[in-house]
Amino acid sequence: MQYTFEATGHENVLSKHKTTFEITTDSTLTLKGDCIIGLNSNVTLNDFPQKLRDKIMCDDTKIELSLETPNAKDKIIGYGSSQLTLNHPSDMVCRKSTFTCSRTLMIKADKAAIDLDEDLINDLSNCETLKVTIKVDD
């Protein structure tokens, strides 16, 4: 099962955070938001199809997240958890840790903002479109 949505980059995308990265529906970004890589998302966690939400909210469901811009692509592997609520109204956070809150999309991710492909981040800091695809096994 897979689900795709879009966000956009922003001139203040730094991608320097060492433990997380975030995609948000917000349209503004300050330099303090060094984990935020995508803004103006056209969906929230609440918009995910129920079947996908159910899978993500299971312990140890493997989640593959693909990030694609016009000049680059990156793939992140993480896991779901029964502790996830997937109900934050604007933010989606992928975490290397096992911390969960309403903003958490995946835990135990193999990459954080600082680990993402440099060309991808360059595109995002030039306000390019970000295509996000979430894949889980059926």
N, C-alpha and C. Protein backbone atom coordinates (compact mmCIF):
# COMPACT_ATOMS: atom_id res chain seq x y z
N MET A 1 0.84 -1.16 0.00
CA MET A 1 0.00 0.00 0.00
C MET A 1 0.89 1.24 0.00
N GLN A 2 0.51 2.21 -0.81
CA GLN A 2 1.28 3.45 -0.82
C GLN A 2 0.37 4.65 -0.93
N TYR A 3 0.89 5.79 -0.45
CA TYR A 3 0.14 7.04 -0.42
C TYR A 3 1.11 8.16 -0.76
N THR A 4 0.71 9.05 -1.67
CA THR A 4 1.59 10.13 -2.13
C THR A 4 0.91 11.47 -1.91
N PHE A 5 1.72 12.44 -1.50
CA PHE A 5 1.24 13.81 -1.35
C PHE A 5 2.40 14.76 -1.64
N GLU A 6 2.10 16.05 -1.67
CA GLU A 6 3.13 17.04 -2.00
C GLU A 6 3.25 18.11 -0.93
N ALA A 7 4.45 18.68 -0.88
CA ALA A 7 4.75 19.83 -0.05
C ALA A 7 5.69 20.70 -0.89
N THR A 8 6.15 21.80 -0.34
CA THR A 8 7.11 22.64 -1.06
C THR A 8 8.28 22.97 -0.16
N GLY A 9 9.37 23.33 -0.80
CA GLY A 9 10.53 23.79 -0.07
C GLY A 9 10.35 25.25 0.34
N HIS A 10 11.41 25.80 0.91
CA HIS A 10 11.39 27.18 1.40
C HIS A 10 12.84 27.64 1.47
N GLU A 11 13.07 28.92 1.27
CA GLU A 11 14.44 29.44 1.28
C GLU A 11 15.17 29.21 2.60
N ASN A 12 14.43 28.99 3.70
CA ASN A 12 15.06 28.77 5.01
C ASN A 12 15.22 27.29 5.37
N VAL A 13 15.03 26.38 4.41
CA VAL A 13 15.28 24.96 4.69
C VAL A 13 16.77 24.77 4.90
N LEU A 14 17.14 24.35 6.12
CA LEU A 14 18.54 24.13 6.47
C LEU A 14 18.88 22.65 6.56
N SER A 15 17.94 21.84 7.02
CA SER A 15 18.11 20.40 7.14
C SER A 15 19.35 20.05 7.98
N LYS A 16 19.43 20.61 9.17
CA LYS A 16 20.59 20.39 10.05
C LYS A 16 20.27 19.55 11.28
N HIS A 17 19.00 19.23 11.52
CA HIS A 17 18.63 18.52 12.74
C HIS A 17 19.17 17.10 12.71
N LYS A 18 19.67 16.62 13.84
CA LYS A 18 20.35 15.33 13.90
C LYS A 18 19.46 14.15 14.27
N THR A 19 18.21 14.40 14.68
CA THR A 19 17.38 13.28 15.11
C THR A 19 16.00 13.22 14.45
N THR A 20 15.58 14.29 13.76
CA THR A 20 14.26 14.29 13.15
C THR A 20 14.27 15.03 11.81
N PHE A 21 13.19 14.85 11.06
CA PHE A 21 12.84 15.78 9.99
C PHE A 21 11.33 15.90 9.97
N GLU A 22 10.86 17.03 9.46
CA GLU A 22 9.44 17.34 9.54
C GLU A 22 8.91 17.89 8.23
N ILE A 23 7.66 17.55 7.96
CA ILE A 23 6.88 18.13 6.86
C ILE A 23 5.65 18.74 7.52
N THR A 24 5.26 19.93 7.10
CA THR A 24 4.17 20.64 7.76
C THR A 24 3.24 21.32 6.76
N THR A 25 2.05 21.62 7.20
CA THR A 25 1.13 22.41 6.39
C THR A 25 1.41 23.90 6.53
N ASP A 26 2.25 24.27 7.49
CA ASP A 26 2.59 25.68 7.69
C ASP A 26 3.23 26.26 6.44
N SER A 27 3.10 27.57 6.26
CA SER A 27 3.66 28.23 5.07
C SER A 27 4.89 29.08 5.38
N THR A 28 5.21 29.24 6.66
CA THR A 28 6.38 30.04 7.02
C THR A 28 7.39 29.19 7.76
N LEU A 29 8.65 29.57 7.64
CA LEU A 29 9.75 28.84 8.27
C LEU A 29 10.83 29.82 8.70
N THR A 30 11.18 29.78 9.97
CA THR A 30 12.30 30.59 10.45
C THR A 30 13.55 29.71 10.45
N LEU A 31 14.69 30.33 10.65
CA LEU A 31 15.94 29.58 10.67
C LEU A 31 16.04 28.66 11.89
N LYS A 32 15.17 28.85 12.88
CA LYS A 32 15.16 27.95 14.04
C LYS A 32 14.61 26.57 13.68
N GLY A 33 13.81 26.48 12.63
CA GLY A 33 13.17 25.22 12.23
C GLY A 33 14.09 24.36 11.39
N ASP A 34 15.23 23.95 11.97
CA ASP A 34 16.25 23.25 11.18
C ASP A 34 15.91 21.79 10.88
N CYS A 35 14.76 21.32 11.36
CA CYS A 35 14.33 19.96 11.01
C CYS A 35 13.29 19.98 9.90
N ILE A 36 12.70 21.14 9.63
CA ILE A 36 11.61 21.22 8.66
C ILE A 36 12.17 21.24 7.23
N ILE A 37 11.70 20.28 6.43
CA ILE A 37 12.18 20.19 5.05
C ILE A 37 11.09 20.49 4.03
N GLY A 38 9.81 20.36 4.44
CA GLY A 38 8.71 20.59 3.52
C GLY A 38 7.61 21.39 4.18
N LEU A 39 7.08 22.36 3.46
CA LEU A 39 6.00 23.21 3.95
C LEU A 39 4.81 23.12 3.01
N ASN A 40 3.73 23.76 3.39
CA ASN A 40 2.53 23.82 2.55
C ASN A 40 2.04 22.44 2.12
N SER A 41 2.21 21.45 2.98
CA SER A 41 1.74 20.11 2.65
C SER A 41 0.26 20.17 2.33
N ASN A 42 -0.14 19.41 1.32
CA ASN A 42 -1.55 19.41 0.95
C ASN A 42 -2.37 18.38 1.74
N VAL A 43 -1.72 17.69 2.70
CA VAL A 43 -2.43 16.77 3.59
C VAL A 43 -1.84 16.86 5.01
N THR A 44 -2.61 16.36 5.96
CA THR A 44 -2.14 16.21 7.34
C THR A 44 -2.17 14.72 7.68
N LEU A 45 -1.68 14.37 8.84
CA LEU A 45 -1.76 12.98 9.28
C LEU A 45 -3.20 12.49 9.32
N ASN A 46 -4.11 13.40 9.65
CA ASN A 46 -5.54 13.05 9.72
C ASN A 46 -6.13 12.69 8.36
N ASP A 47 -5.48 13.12 7.27
CA ASP A 47 -5.98 12.86 5.92
C ASP A 47 -5.56 11.50 5.36
N PHE A 48 -4.63 10.83 6.02
CA PHE A 48 -4.18 9.54 5.52
C PHE A 48 -5.37 8.58 5.48
N PRO A 49 -5.43 7.71 4.46
CA PRO A 49 -6.50 6.71 4.42
C PRO A 49 -6.47 5.84 5.69
N GLN A 50 -7.63 5.43 6.16
CA GLN A 50 -7.71 4.68 7.42
C GLN A 50 -6.88 3.40 7.38
N LYS A 51 -6.86 2.73 6.26
CA LYS A 51 -6.08 1.49 6.15
C LYS A 51 -4.59 1.75 6.37
N LEU A 52 -4.09 2.86 5.83
CA LEU A 52 -2.69 3.25 6.03
C LEU A 52 -2.45 3.63 7.49
N ARG A 53 -3.35 4.41 8.05
CA ARG A 53 -3.24 4.82 9.46
C ARG A 53 -3.17 3.58 10.37
N ASP A 54 -4.03 2.61 10.10
CA ASP A 54 -4.06 1.39 10.92
C ASP A 54 -2.72 0.67 10.85
N LYS A 55 -2.12 0.60 9.68
CA LYS A 55 -0.82 -0.07 9.51
C LYS A 55 0.27 0.68 10.27
N ILE A 56 0.30 2.01 10.12
CA ILE A 56 1.34 2.82 10.77
C ILE A 56 1.21 2.74 12.29
N MET A 57 -0.01 2.57 12.79
CA MET A 57 -0.23 2.52 14.23
C MET A 57 -0.08 1.10 14.79
N CYS A 58 0.73 0.27 14.12
CA CYS A 58 1.05 -1.07 14.61
C CYS A 58 2.54 -1.14 14.93
N ASP A 59 2.86 -1.83 16.00
CA ASP A 59 4.26 -2.00 16.37
C ASP A 59 5.02 -2.70 15.25
N ASP A 60 6.18 -2.14 14.95
CA ASP A 60 7.14 -2.73 14.02
C ASP A 60 6.70 -2.79 12.56
N THR A 61 5.64 -2.09 12.16
CA THR A 61 5.33 -1.98 10.75
C THR A 61 6.46 -1.21 10.08
N LYS A 62 7.05 -1.80 9.06
CA LYS A 62 8.12 -1.13 8.33
C LYS A 62 7.51 -0.09 7.39
N ILE A 63 8.04 1.14 7.48
CA ILE A 63 7.55 2.25 6.66
C ILE A 63 8.69 2.73 5.78
N GLU A 64 8.43 2.84 4.49
CA GLU A 64 9.41 3.39 3.56
C GLU A 64 8.87 4.73 3.08
N LEU A 65 9.64 5.77 3.32
CA LEU A 65 9.25 7.11 2.93
C LEU A 65 10.20 7.58 1.83
N SER A 66 9.65 7.91 0.66
CA SER A 66 10.46 8.43 -0.45
C SER A 66 10.23 9.92 -0.58
N LEU A 67 11.30 10.66 -0.70
CA LEU A 67 11.27 12.11 -0.90
C LEU A 67 11.85 12.40 -2.26
N GLU A 68 11.13 13.15 -3.08
CA GLU A 68 11.60 13.40 -4.44
C GLU A 68 11.38 14.86 -4.84
N THR A 69 12.43 15.45 -5.40
CA THR A 69 12.37 16.80 -5.96
C THR A 69 12.79 16.69 -7.43
N PRO A 70 12.76 17.78 -8.18
CA PRO A 70 13.13 17.68 -9.61
C PRO A 70 14.53 17.10 -9.87
N ASN A 71 15.46 17.29 -8.94
CA ASN A 71 16.85 16.86 -9.20
C ASN A 71 17.38 15.80 -8.25
N ALA A 72 16.54 15.28 -7.36
CA ALA A 72 17.07 14.33 -6.38
C ALA A 72 15.96 13.48 -5.78
N LYS A 73 16.41 12.39 -5.15
CA LYS A 73 15.49 11.48 -4.49
C LYS A 73 16.21 10.88 -3.29
N ASP A 74 15.47 10.63 -2.22
CA ASP A 74 16.05 9.98 -1.05
C ASP A 74 15.00 9.03 -0.48
N LYS A 75 15.47 8.02 0.25
CA LYS A 75 14.56 7.04 0.85
C LYS A 75 14.92 6.90 2.32
N ILE A 76 13.90 6.88 3.16
CA ILE A 76 14.07 6.74 4.59
C ILE A 76 13.25 5.53 5.03
N ILE A 77 13.85 4.71 5.87
CA ILE A 77 13.16 3.55 6.43
C ILE A 77 12.96 3.80 7.92
N GLY A 78 11.74 3.59 8.37
CA GLY A 78 11.42 3.73 9.79
C GLY A 78 10.32 2.74 10.14
N TYR A 79 9.74 2.92 11.33
CA TYR A 79 8.77 1.95 11.82
C TYR A 79 7.57 2.62 12.46
N GLY A 80 6.47 1.92 12.41
CA GLY A 80 5.27 2.36 13.08
C GLY A 80 5.30 1.96 14.54
N SER A 81 4.22 2.33 15.25
CA SER A 81 4.12 2.00 16.67
C SER A 81 2.66 2.09 17.11
N SER A 82 2.30 1.23 18.03
CA SER A 82 0.95 1.30 18.59
C SER A 82 0.77 2.53 19.47
N GLN A 83 1.86 3.23 19.77
CA GLN A 83 1.79 4.46 20.57
C GLN A 83 1.48 5.70 19.72
N LEU A 84 1.47 5.55 18.39
CA LEU A 84 1.20 6.70 17.52
C LEU A 84 -0.28 7.01 17.47
N THR A 85 -0.61 8.31 17.40
CA THR A 85 -2.00 8.73 17.29
C THR A 85 -2.31 9.32 15.92
N LEU A 86 -1.30 9.81 15.22
CA LEU A 86 -1.45 10.37 13.87
C LEU A 86 -2.57 11.40 13.80
N ASN A 87 -2.62 12.31 14.76
CA ASN A 87 -3.73 13.26 14.76
C ASN A 87 -3.32 14.72 14.91
N HIS A 88 -2.06 15.04 14.66
CA HIS A 88 -1.66 16.45 14.73
C HIS A 88 -2.25 17.19 13.52
N PRO A 89 -2.75 18.40 13.72
CA PRO A 89 -3.41 19.12 12.62
C PRO A 89 -2.49 19.71 11.56
N SER A 90 -1.17 19.73 11.80
CA SER A 90 -0.30 20.34 10.78
C SER A 90 1.05 19.67 10.57
N ASP A 91 1.60 19.00 11.56
CA ASP A 91 2.98 18.51 11.48
C ASP A 91 3.07 17.00 11.36
N MET A 92 4.10 16.55 10.60
CA MET A 92 4.44 15.13 10.47
C MET A 92 5.92 15.01 10.73
N VAL A 93 6.31 14.31 11.78
CA VAL A 93 7.71 14.22 12.18
C VAL A 93 8.18 12.77 12.09
N CYS A 94 9.32 12.59 11.42
CA CYS A 94 9.98 11.29 11.36
C CYS A 94 11.16 11.36 12.32
N ARG A 95 11.26 10.37 13.21
CA ARG A 95 12.24 10.41 14.30
C ARG A 95 13.18 9.21 14.28
N LYS A 96 14.45 9.47 14.59
CA LYS A 96 15.40 8.39 14.79
C LYS A 96 15.13 7.67 16.11
N SER A 97 14.59 8.39 17.07
CA SER A 97 14.33 7.84 18.41
C SER A 97 13.02 7.06 18.42
N THR A 98 12.62 6.63 19.61
CA THR A 98 11.35 5.94 19.78
C THR A 98 10.30 6.85 20.43
N PHE A 99 10.61 8.14 20.55
CA PHE A 99 9.66 9.10 21.13
C PHE A 99 8.42 9.20 20.24
N THR A 100 7.26 9.23 20.86
CA THR A 100 6.02 9.40 20.12
C THR A 100 5.20 10.54 20.71
N CYS A 101 4.50 11.23 19.84
CA CYS A 101 3.51 12.24 20.23
C CYS A 101 2.55 12.37 19.05
N SER A 102 1.63 13.31 19.13
CA SER A 102 0.62 13.44 18.07
C SER A 102 1.24 13.81 16.72
N ARG A 103 2.46 14.36 16.72
CA ARG A 103 3.14 14.79 15.50
C ARG A 103 3.95 13.68 14.83
N THR A 104 4.15 12.57 15.50
CA THR A 104 5.06 11.52 15.02
C THR A 104 4.42 10.68 13.92
N LEU A 105 5.13 10.57 12.78
CA LEU A 105 4.73 9.72 11.67
C LEU A 105 5.44 8.38 11.72
N MET A 106 6.73 8.38 12.10
CA MET A 106 7.48 7.14 12.21
C MET A 106 8.57 7.28 13.26
N ILE A 107 8.98 6.15 13.82
CA ILE A 107 10.08 6.10 14.78
C ILE A 107 11.19 5.22 14.21
N LYS A 108 12.33 5.24 14.87
CA LYS A 108 13.49 4.42 14.48
C LYS A 108 13.88 4.65 13.03
N ALA A 109 13.72 5.88 12.55
CA ALA A 109 14.07 6.21 11.17
C ALA A 109 15.57 6.10 10.98
N ASP A 110 15.99 5.68 9.79
CA ASP A 110 17.43 5.54 9.54
C ASP A 110 18.08 6.85 9.09
N LYS A 111 17.29 7.93 8.96
CA LYS A 111 17.85 9.23 8.59
C LYS A 111 17.09 10.34 9.30
N ALA A 112 17.82 11.41 9.58
CA ALA A 112 17.23 12.65 10.08
C ALA A 112 17.51 13.73 9.03
N ALA A 113 17.11 14.95 9.31
CA ALA A 113 17.28 16.04 8.34
C ALA A 113 18.73 16.17 7.86
N ILE A 114 19.67 16.07 8.78
CA ILE A 114 21.08 16.26 8.43
C ILE A 114 21.61 15.16 7.50
N ASP A 115 20.94 14.01 7.47
CA ASP A 115 21.39 12.86 6.68
C ASP A 115 20.82 12.83 5.26
N LEU A 116 19.89 13.72 4.96
CA LEU A 116 19.22 13.67 3.66
C LEU A 116 20.12 14.12 2.52
N ASP A 117 19.83 13.63 1.33
CA ASP A 117 20.59 13.92 0.13
C ASP A 117 20.79 15.43 -0.07
N GLU A 118 22.02 15.83 -0.29
CA GLU A 118 22.36 17.25 -0.43
C GLU A 118 21.64 17.92 -1.60
N ASP A 119 21.53 17.22 -2.73
CA ASP A 119 20.83 17.79 -3.88
C ASP A 119 19.33 17.99 -3.59
N LEU A 120 18.76 17.07 -2.83
CA LEU A 120 17.36 17.19 -2.42
C LEU A 120 17.18 18.46 -1.57
N ILE A 121 18.07 18.66 -0.62
CA ILE A 121 17.98 19.84 0.25
C ILE A 121 18.23 21.12 -0.54
N ASN A 122 19.14 21.09 -1.49
CA ASN A 122 19.36 22.27 -2.34
C ASN A 122 18.10 22.62 -3.11
N ASP A 123 17.43 21.62 -3.66
CA ASP A 123 16.17 21.87 -4.36
C ASP A 123 15.14 22.49 -3.40
N LEU A 124 15.05 21.92 -2.20
CA LEU A 124 14.06 22.42 -1.25
C LEU A 124 14.36 23.84 -0.81
N SER A 125 15.64 24.19 -0.65
CA SER A 125 15.99 25.57 -0.27
C SER A 125 15.77 26.53 -1.44
N ASN A 126 15.56 25.98 -2.64
CA ASN A 126 15.20 26.79 -3.81
C ASN A 126 13.70 26.73 -4.08
N CYS A 127 12.94 26.31 -3.06
CA CYS A 127 11.46 26.32 -3.08
C CYS A 127 10.84 25.36 -4.09
N GLU A 128 11.55 24.31 -4.43
CA GLU A 128 11.01 23.32 -5.36
C GLU A 128 9.91 22.49 -4.67
N THR A 129 9.13 21.78 -5.48
CA THR A 129 8.08 20.89 -4.98
C THR A 129 8.70 19.61 -4.45
N LEU A 130 8.15 19.12 -3.36
CA LEU A 130 8.57 17.88 -2.73
C LEU A 130 7.45 16.86 -2.86
N LYS A 131 7.76 15.74 -3.52
CA LYS A 131 6.80 14.63 -3.62
C LYS A 131 7.15 13.63 -2.52
N VAL A 132 6.18 13.31 -1.70
CA VAL A 132 6.37 12.40 -0.57
C VAL A 132 5.53 11.16 -0.81
N THR A 133 6.16 9.98 -0.77
CA THR A 133 5.44 8.73 -0.94
C THR A 133 5.70 7.85 0.27
N ILE A 134 4.63 7.40 0.89
CA ILE A 134 4.71 6.51 2.05
C ILE A 134 4.30 5.12 1.58
N LYS A 135 5.15 4.12 1.86
CA LYS A 135 4.84 2.73 1.50
C LYS A 135 4.88 1.87 2.74
N VAL A 136 3.87 1.01 2.88
CA VAL A 136 3.86 -0.02 3.92
C VAL A 136 3.38 -1.31 3.26
N ASP A 137 3.78 -2.45 3.84
CA ASP A 137 3.31 -3.72 3.31
C ASP A 137 1.83 -3.88 3.61
N ASP A 138 1.12 -4.49 2.66
CA ASP A 138 -0.32 -4.73 2.86
C ASP A 138 -0.61 -5.75 3.92
